[in-house]
Structures are given as structure tokens and as C-alpha cells.
Amino acid sequence: MKKVARYLILIYIFSLFLSFVGYWLDSDVPQNTLVYQMYEVFMLSIFLFGLLSGLFCILYLMFSFFKSLMQKENQYSK
């Protein structure tokens, strides 16, 4: 379970990084205050975290399922 928590922290750091890169690459002239812009970056990072962690959980569960399936098959073949 420690691995999953570490992966989720890494996913959030990656989504925060992507949000700041998007903020930095945005070519529009800022019309809002800095506080509102940082709020947008934070909310985008939360949204990206949700998407990426959902994708990660699906892949992690599929990998775990197929790994247990292969272990059962190897156990029966012996």
C-alpha cells in the first residue's frame, strides 16, 4: 500500500508540473489577478490528478489481476 501512496503523490506532482507548464506557455495576456490565476492552476492540477490517478488505478488493477492469474496458472501446471 505504501507503493500506491507514493505513486499517487508522484502523479499529483506531475499534474502540478503540467499545470504550471500550461500556465507558463499560455500566450494570452493575463486579465485576472495572480491569486485567481494560481487558483486556476491548482484546480487544473486537481482535475489532471483525478484523470491520471483513475488511469493509473485501472492499469494497476489490470496488472495485479493478470499477475495473479499467471501465478495461479503456474501453480496448476506444477
PDB file of N, CA and C in Angstrom:
ATOM      1  N   MET A   1       0.816  -1.192   0.000  1.00  0.00           N
ATOM      2  CA  MET A   1       0.000   0.000   0.000  1.00  0.00           C
ATOM      3  C   MET A   1       0.864   1.262   0.000  1.00  0.00           C
ATOM      4  N   LYS A   2       2.092   1.157   0.534  1.00  0.00           N
ATOM      5  CA  LYS A   2       2.988   2.303   0.518  1.00  0.00           C
ATOM      6  C   LYS A   2       3.340   2.698  -0.908  1.00  0.00           C
ATOM      7  N   LYS A   3       3.460   1.691  -1.779  1.00  0.00           N
ATOM      8  CA  LYS A   3       3.779   1.982  -3.168  1.00  0.00           C
ATOM      9  C   LYS A   3       2.684   2.808  -3.827  1.00  0.00           C
ATOM     10  N   VAL A   4       1.435   2.458  -3.548  1.00  0.00           N
ATOM     11  CA  VAL A   4       0.318   3.165  -4.173  1.00  0.00           C
ATOM     12  C   VAL A   4       0.292   4.611  -3.698  1.00  0.00           C
ATOM     13  N   ALA A   5       0.516   4.854  -2.425  1.00  0.00           N
ATOM     14  CA  ALA A   5       0.533   6.221  -1.908  1.00  0.00           C
ATOM     15  C   ALA A   5       1.669   7.022  -2.543  1.00  0.00           C
ATOM     16  N   ARG A   6       2.813   6.391  -2.688  1.00  0.00           N
ATOM     17  CA  ARG A   6       3.944   7.065  -3.325  1.00  0.00           C
ATOM     18  C   ARG A   6       3.627   7.388  -4.783  1.00  0.00           C
ATOM     19  N   TYR A   7       2.991   6.455  -5.488  1.00  0.00           N
ATOM     20  CA  TYR A   7       2.608   6.703  -6.877  1.00  0.00           C
ATOM     21  C   TYR A   7       1.603   7.841  -6.982  1.00  0.00           C
ATOM     22  N   LEU A   8       0.649   7.903  -6.053  1.00  0.00           N
ATOM     23  CA  LEU A   8      -0.344   8.974  -6.089  1.00  0.00           C
ATOM     24  C   LEU A   8       0.306  10.335  -5.836  1.00  0.00           C
ATOM     25  N   ILE A   9       1.277  10.380  -4.942  1.00  0.00           N
ATOM     26  CA  ILE A   9       1.998  11.637  -4.704  1.00  0.00           C
ATOM     27  C   ILE A   9       2.777  12.041  -5.947  1.00  0.00           C
ATOM     28  N   LEU A  10       3.413  11.079  -6.591  1.00  0.00           N
ATOM     29  CA  LEU A  10       4.141  11.380  -7.824  1.00  0.00           C
ATOM     30  C   LEU A  10       3.201  11.835  -8.934  1.00  0.00           C
ATOM     31  N   ILE A  11       2.028  11.234  -9.015  1.00  0.00           N
ATOM     32  CA  ILE A  11       1.048  11.635 -10.026  1.00  0.00           C
ATOM     33  C   ILE A  11       0.599  13.072  -9.770  1.00  0.00           C
ATOM     34  N   TYR A  12       0.377  13.438  -8.503  1.00  0.00           N
ATOM     35  CA  TYR A  12      -0.033  14.814  -8.219  1.00  0.00           C
ATOM     36  C   TYR A  12       1.082  15.802  -8.538  1.00  0.00           C
ATOM     37  N   ILE A  13       2.313  15.463  -8.222  1.00  0.00           N
ATOM     38  CA  ILE A  13       3.440  16.347  -8.542  1.00  0.00           C
ATOM     39  C   ILE A  13       3.548  16.513 -10.054  1.00  0.00           C
ATOM     40  N   PHE A  14       3.352  15.435 -10.810  1.00  0.00           N
ATOM     41  CA  PHE A  14       3.392  15.501 -12.264  1.00  0.00           C
ATOM     42  C   PHE A  14       2.255  16.359 -12.806  1.00  0.00           C
ATOM     43  N   SER A  15       1.051  16.217 -12.243  1.00  0.00           N
ATOM     44  CA  SER A  15      -0.075  17.025 -12.726  1.00  0.00           C
ATOM     45  C   SER A  15       0.116  18.492 -12.354  1.00  0.00           C
ATOM     46  N   LEU A  16       0.709  18.774 -11.202  1.00  0.00           N
ATOM     47  CA  LEU A  16       1.013  20.155 -10.829  1.00  0.00           C
ATOM     48  C   LEU A  16       2.067  20.737 -11.768  1.00  0.00           C
ATOM     49  N   PHE A  17       3.046  19.933 -12.120  1.00  0.00           N
ATOM     50  CA  PHE A  17       4.067  20.355 -13.082  1.00  0.00           C
ATOM     51  C   PHE A  17       3.430  20.670 -14.433  1.00  0.00           C
ATOM     52  N   LEU A  18       2.539  19.796 -14.913  1.00  0.00           N
ATOM     53  CA  LEU A  18       1.866  20.047 -16.182  1.00  0.00           C
ATOM     54  C   LEU A  18       1.026  21.319 -16.129  1.00  0.00           C
ATOM     55  N   SER A  19       0.393  21.574 -15.014  1.00  0.00           N
ATOM     56  CA  SER A  19      -0.423  22.777 -14.868  1.00  0.00           C
ATOM     57  C   SER A  19       0.437  24.037 -14.929  1.00  0.00           C
ATOM     58  N   PHE A  20       1.588  24.014 -14.260  1.00  0.00           N
ATOM     59  CA  PHE A  20       2.471  25.174 -14.300  1.00  0.00           C
ATOM     60  C   PHE A  20       3.085  25.361 -15.689  1.00  0.00           C
ATOM     61  N   VAL A  21       3.384  24.286 -16.384  1.00  0.00           N
ATOM     62  CA  VAL A  21       3.890  24.403 -17.752  1.00  0.00           C
ATOM     63  C   VAL A  21       2.812  25.007 -18.644  1.00  0.00           C
ATOM     64  N   GLY A  22       1.570  24.592 -18.478  1.00  0.00           N
ATOM     65  CA  GLY A  22       0.480  25.177 -19.241  1.00  0.00           C
ATOM     66  C   GLY A  22       0.293  26.647 -18.930  1.00  0.00           C
ATOM     67  N   TYR A  23       0.429  27.024 -17.673  1.00  0.00           N
ATOM     68  CA  TYR A  23       0.341  28.433 -17.278  1.00  0.00           C
ATOM     69  C   TYR A  23       1.476  29.233 -17.904  1.00  0.00           C
ATOM     70  N   TRP A  24       2.652  28.661 -17.907  1.00  0.00           N
ATOM     71  CA  TRP A  24       3.815  29.345 -18.448  1.00  0.00           C
ATOM     72  C   TRP A  24       3.721  29.495 -19.964  1.00  0.00           C
ATOM     73  N   LEU A  25       3.188  28.479 -20.668  1.00  0.00           N
ATOM     74  CA  LEU A  25       3.098  28.516 -22.123  1.00  0.00           C
ATOM     75  C   LEU A  25       1.890  29.296 -22.640  1.00  0.00           C
ATOM     76  N   ASP A  26       0.973  29.655 -21.768  1.00  0.00           N
ATOM     77  CA  ASP A  26      -0.225  30.387 -22.177  1.00  0.00           C
ATOM     78  C   ASP A  26       0.189  31.742 -22.743  1.00  0.00           C
ATOM     79  N   SER A  27      -0.240  32.010 -23.986  1.00  0.00           N
ATOM     80  CA  SER A  27       0.188  33.240 -24.662  1.00  0.00           C
ATOM     81  C   SER A  27      -0.801  34.383 -24.491  1.00  0.00           C
ATOM     82  N   ASP A  28      -1.934  34.154 -23.846  1.00  0.00           N
ATOM     83  CA  ASP A  28      -2.897  35.223 -23.623  1.00  0.00           C
ATOM     84  C   ASP A  28      -2.379  36.202 -22.576  1.00  0.00           C
ATOM     85  N   VAL A  29      -2.798  37.438 -22.727  1.00  0.00           N
ATOM     86  CA  VAL A  29      -2.449  38.451 -21.732  1.00  0.00           C
ATOM     87  C   VAL A  29      -3.299  38.197 -20.486  1.00  0.00           C
ATOM     88  N   PRO A  30      -2.673  38.073 -19.299  1.00  0.00           N
ATOM     89  CA  PRO A  30      -3.457  37.806 -18.095  1.00  0.00           C
ATOM     90  C   PRO A  30      -4.403  38.967 -17.777  1.00  0.00           C
ATOM     91  N   GLN A  31      -5.694  38.643 -17.591  1.00  0.00           N
ATOM     92  CA  GLN A  31      -6.681  39.662 -17.285  1.00  0.00           C
ATOM     93  C   GLN A  31      -7.154  39.562 -15.832  1.00  0.00           C
ATOM     94  N   ASN A  32      -6.800  38.506 -15.169  1.00  0.00           N
ATOM     95  CA  ASN A  32      -7.220  38.293 -13.783  1.00  0.00           C
ATOM     96  C   ASN A  32      -6.056  38.541 -12.832  1.00  0.00           C
ATOM     97  N   THR A  33      -6.363  38.557 -11.549  1.00  0.00           N
ATOM     98  CA  THR A  33      -5.308  38.732 -10.550  1.00  0.00           C
ATOM     99  C   THR A  33      -4.476  37.454 -10.452  1.00  0.00           C
ATOM    100  N   LEU A  34      -3.327  37.573  -9.850  1.00  0.00           N
ATOM    101  CA  LEU A  34      -2.424  36.430  -9.693  1.00  0.00           C
ATOM    102  C   LEU A  34      -3.058  35.348  -8.823  1.00  0.00           C
ATOM    103  N   VAL A  35      -3.817  35.765  -7.811  1.00  0.00           N
ATOM    104  CA  VAL A  35      -4.478  34.787  -6.937  1.00  0.00           C
ATOM    105  C   VAL A  35      -5.454  33.935  -7.743  1.00  0.00           C
ATOM    106  N   TYR A  36      -6.235  34.553  -8.614  1.00  0.00           N
ATOM    107  CA  TYR A  36      -7.194  33.811  -9.425  1.00  0.00           C
ATOM    108  C   TYR A  36      -6.478  32.896 -10.416  1.00  0.00           C
ATOM    109  N   GLN A  37      -5.371  33.363 -10.976  1.00  0.00           N
ATOM    110  CA  GLN A  37      -4.615  32.523 -11.912  1.00  0.00           C
ATOM    111  C   GLN A  37      -4.034  31.303 -11.204  1.00  0.00           C
ATOM    112  N   MET A  38      -3.525  31.483  -9.989  1.00  0.00           N
ATOM    113  CA  MET A  38      -2.997  30.341  -9.242  1.00  0.00           C
ATOM    114  C   MET A  38      -4.123  29.400  -8.815  1.00  0.00           C
ATOM    115  N   TYR A  39      -5.303  29.945  -8.574  1.00  0.00           N
ATOM    116  CA  TYR A  39      -6.476  29.099  -8.299  1.00  0.00           C
ATOM    117  C   TYR A  39      -6.784  28.226  -9.514  1.00  0.00           C
ATOM    118  N   GLU A  40      -6.714  28.808 -10.703  1.00  0.00           N
ATOM    119  CA  GLU A  40      -6.944  28.035 -11.926  1.00  0.00           C
ATOM    120  C   GLU A  40      -5.904  26.936 -12.089  1.00  0.00           C
ATOM    121  N   VAL A  41      -4.645  27.257 -11.805  1.00  0.00           N
ATOM    122  CA  VAL A  41      -3.572  26.253 -11.901  1.00  0.00           C
ATOM    123  C   VAL A  41      -3.823  25.133 -10.904  1.00  0.00           C
ATOM    124  N   PHE A  42      -4.201  25.472  -9.683  1.00  0.00           N
ATOM    125  CA  PHE A  42      -4.470  24.466  -8.659  1.00  0.00           C
ATOM    126  C   PHE A  42      -5.647  23.573  -9.061  1.00  0.00           C
ATOM    127  N   MET A  43      -6.726  24.168  -9.560  1.00  0.00           N
ATOM    128  CA  MET A  43      -7.891  23.382  -9.957  1.00  0.00           C
ATOM    129  C   MET A  43      -7.580  22.498 -11.160  1.00  0.00           C
ATOM    130  N   LEU A  44      -6.782  22.995 -12.093  1.00  0.00           N
ATOM    131  CA  LEU A  44      -6.371  22.173 -13.222  1.00  0.00           C
ATOM    132  C   LEU A  44      -5.521  21.000 -12.754  1.00  0.00           C
ATOM    133  N   SER A  45      -4.658  21.236 -11.766  1.00  0.00           N
ATOM    134  CA  SER A  45      -3.832  20.135 -11.260  1.00  0.00           C
ATOM    135  C   SER A  45      -4.703  19.088 -10.564  1.00  0.00           C
ATOM    136  N   ILE A  46      -5.752  19.529  -9.851  1.00  0.00           N
ATOM    137  CA  ILE A  46      -6.666  18.579  -9.218  1.00  0.00           C
ATOM    138  C   ILE A  46      -7.401  17.768 -10.289  1.00  0.00           C
ATOM    139  N   PHE A  47      -7.850  18.425 -11.351  1.00  0.00           N
ATOM    140  CA  PHE A  47      -8.540  17.744 -12.445  1.00  0.00           C
ATOM    141  C   PHE A  47      -7.612  16.724 -13.120  1.00  0.00           C
ATOM    142  N   LEU A  48      -6.383  17.145 -13.425  1.00  0.00           N
ATOM    143  CA  LEU A  48      -5.424  16.223 -14.042  1.00  0.00           C
ATOM    144  C   LEU A  48      -5.081  15.070 -13.107  1.00  0.00           C
ATOM    145  N   PHE A  49      -4.981  15.357 -11.817  1.00  0.00           N
ATOM    146  CA  PHE A  49      -4.714  14.308 -10.843  1.00  0.00           C
ATOM    147  C   PHE A  49      -5.830  13.262 -10.861  1.00  0.00           C
ATOM    148  N   GLY A  50      -7.071  13.716 -10.934  1.00  0.00           N
ATOM    149  CA  GLY A  50      -8.198  12.784 -10.994  1.00  0.00           C
ATOM    150  C   GLY A  50      -8.135  11.904 -12.231  1.00  0.00           C
ATOM    151  N   LEU A  51      -7.858  12.510 -13.368  1.00  0.00           N
ATOM    152  CA  LEU A  51      -7.774  11.730 -14.605  1.00  0.00           C
ATOM    153  C   LEU A  51      -6.603  10.748 -14.583  1.00  0.00           C
ATOM    154  N   LEU A  52      -5.438  11.241 -14.198  1.00  0.00           N
ATOM    155  CA  LEU A  52      -4.251  10.381 -14.207  1.00  0.00           C
ATOM    156  C   LEU A  52      -4.311   9.288 -13.149  1.00  0.00           C
ATOM    157  N   SER A  53      -4.855   9.608 -11.985  1.00  0.00           N
ATOM    158  CA  SER A  53      -4.942   8.566 -10.954  1.00  0.00           C
ATOM    159  C   SER A  53      -5.995   7.530 -11.320  1.00  0.00           C
ATOM    160  N   GLY A  54      -7.074   7.935 -11.981  1.00  0.00           N
ATOM    161  CA  GLY A  54      -8.052   6.962 -12.473  1.00  0.00           C
ATOM    162  C   GLY A  54      -7.431   6.026 -13.487  1.00  0.00           C
ATOM    163  N   LEU A  55      -6.664   6.582 -14.405  1.00  0.00           N
ATOM    164  CA  LEU A  55      -5.972   5.760 -15.399  1.00  0.00           C
ATOM    165  C   LEU A  55      -4.960   4.840 -14.729  1.00  0.00           C
ATOM    166  N   PHE A  56      -4.223   5.366 -13.761  1.00  0.00           N
ATOM    167  CA  PHE A  56      -3.245   4.567 -13.037  1.00  0.00           C
ATOM    168  C   PHE A  56      -3.924   3.410 -12.295  1.00  0.00           C
ATOM    169  N   CYS A  57      -5.047   3.696 -11.627  1.00  0.00           N
ATOM    170  CA  CYS A  57      -5.734   2.651 -10.860  1.00  0.00           C
ATOM    171  C   CYS A  57      -6.244   1.541 -11.778  1.00  0.00           C
ATOM    172  N   ILE A  58      -6.778   1.917 -12.930  1.00  0.00           N
ATOM    173  CA  ILE A  58      -7.253   0.915 -13.883  1.00  0.00           C
ATOM    174  C   ILE A  58      -6.097   0.033 -14.335  1.00  0.00           C
ATOM    175  N   LEU A  59      -4.992   0.658 -14.710  1.00  0.00           N
ATOM    176  CA  LEU A  59      -3.834  -0.123 -15.169  1.00  0.00           C
ATOM    177  C   LEU A  59      -3.238  -0.964 -14.047  1.00  0.00           C
ATOM    178  N   TYR A  60      -3.176  -0.418 -12.841  1.00  0.00           N
ATOM    179  CA  TYR A  60      -2.617  -1.133 -11.698  1.00  0.00           C
ATOM    180  C   TYR A  60      -3.470  -2.361 -11.362  1.00  0.00           C
ATOM    181  N   LEU A  61      -4.782  -2.191 -11.367  1.00  0.00           N
ATOM    182  CA  LEU A  61      -5.670  -3.317 -11.064  1.00  0.00           C
ATOM    183  C   LEU A  61      -5.628  -4.383 -12.160  1.00  0.00           C
ATOM    184  N   MET A  62      -5.545  -3.946 -13.420  1.00  0.00           N
ATOM    185  CA  MET A  62      -5.418  -4.926 -14.505  1.00  0.00           C
ATOM    186  C   MET A  62      -4.118  -5.705 -14.381  1.00  0.00           C
ATOM    187  N   PHE A  63      -3.022  -5.014 -14.090  1.00  0.00           N
ATOM    188  CA  PHE A  63      -1.742  -5.687 -13.933  1.00  0.00           C
ATOM    189  C   PHE A  63      -1.785  -6.671 -12.772  1.00  0.00           C
ATOM    190  N   SER A  64      -2.383  -6.259 -11.659  1.00  0.00           N
ATOM    191  CA  SER A  64      -2.487  -7.149 -10.497  1.00  0.00           C
ATOM    192  C   SER A  64      -3.343  -8.372 -10.815  1.00  0.00           C
ATOM    193  N   PHE A  65      -4.428  -8.161 -11.544  1.00  0.00           N
ATOM    194  CA  PHE A  65      -5.300  -9.269 -11.909  1.00  0.00           C
ATOM    195  C   PHE A  65      -4.575 -10.266 -12.804  1.00  0.00           C
ATOM    196  N   PHE A  66      -3.883  -9.769 -13.840  1.00  0.00           N
ATOM    197  CA  PHE A  66      -3.187 -10.682 -14.739  1.00  0.00           C
ATOM    198  C   PHE A  66      -1.995 -11.348 -14.063  1.00  0.00           C
ATOM    199  N   LYS A  67      -1.361 -10.648 -13.133  1.00  0.00           N
ATOM    200  CA  LYS A  67      -0.249 -11.255 -12.394  1.00  0.00           C
ATOM    201  C   LYS A  67      -0.752 -12.402 -11.525  1.00  0.00           C
ATOM    202  N   SER A  68      -1.884 -12.202 -10.832  1.00  0.00           N
ATOM    203  CA  SER A  68      -2.433 -13.277 -10.000  1.00  0.00           C
ATOM    204  C   SER A  68      -2.934 -14.428 -10.870  1.00  0.00           C
ATOM    205  N   LEU A  69      -3.458 -14.099 -12.030  1.00  0.00           N
ATOM    206  CA  LEU A  69      -3.916 -15.135 -12.960  1.00  0.00           C
ATOM    207  C   LEU A  69      -2.742 -15.984 -13.438  1.00  0.00           C
ATOM    208  N   MET A  70      -1.614 -15.348 -13.739  1.00  0.00           N
ATOM    209  CA  MET A  70      -0.431 -16.084 -14.180  1.00  0.00           C
ATOM    210  C   MET A  70       0.148 -16.926 -13.044  1.00  0.00           C
ATOM    211  N   GLN A  71       0.103 -16.406 -11.807  1.00  0.00           N
ATOM    212  CA  GLN A  71       0.603 -17.181 -10.680  1.00  0.00           C
ATOM    213  C   GLN A  71      -0.256 -18.413 -10.444  1.00  0.00           C
ATOM    214  N   LYS A  72      -1.566 -18.287 -10.590  1.00  0.00           N
ATOM    215  CA  LYS A  72      -2.450 -19.442 -10.432  1.00  0.00           C
ATOM    216  C   LYS A  72      -2.199 -20.459 -11.528  1.00  0.00           C
ATOM    217  N   GLU A  73      -1.981 -19.981 -12.745  1.00  0.00           N
ATOM    218  CA  GLU A  73      -1.714 -20.894 -13.857  1.00  0.00           C
ATOM    219  C   GLU A  73      -0.400 -21.618 -13.639  1.00  0.00           C
ATOM    220  N   ASN A  74       0.619 -20.926 -13.159  1.00  0.00           N
ATOM    221  CA  ASN A  74       1.904 -21.570 -12.894  1.00  0.00           C
ATOM    222  C   ASN A  74       1.788 -22.570 -11.747  1.00  0.00           C
ATOM    223  N   GLN A  75       0.930 -22.297 -10.783  1.00  0.00           N
ATOM    224  CA  GLN A  75       0.736 -23.193  -9.654  1.00  0.00           C
ATOM    225  C   GLN A  75       0.057 -24.488 -10.121  1.00  0.00           C
ATOM    226  N   TYR A  76      -0.915 -24.369 -11.036  1.00  0.00           N
ATOM    227  CA  TYR A  76      -1.618 -25.541 -11.529  1.00  0.00           C
ATOM    228  C   TYR A  76      -0.761 -26.373 -12.477  1.00  0.00           C
ATOM    229  N   SER A  77       0.186 -25.753 -13.162  1.00  0.00           N
ATOM    230  CA  SER A  77       0.993 -26.503 -14.127  1.00  0.00           C
ATOM    231  C   SER A  77       2.098 -27.320 -13.452  1.00  0.00           C
ATOM    232  N   LYS A  78       2.365 -27.080 -12.192  1.00  0.00           N
ATOM    233  CA  LYS A  78       3.429 -27.825 -11.500  1.00  0.00           C
ATOM    234  C   LYS A  78       2.952 -29.159 -11.024  1.00  0.00           C
TER     235      LYS A  78
END
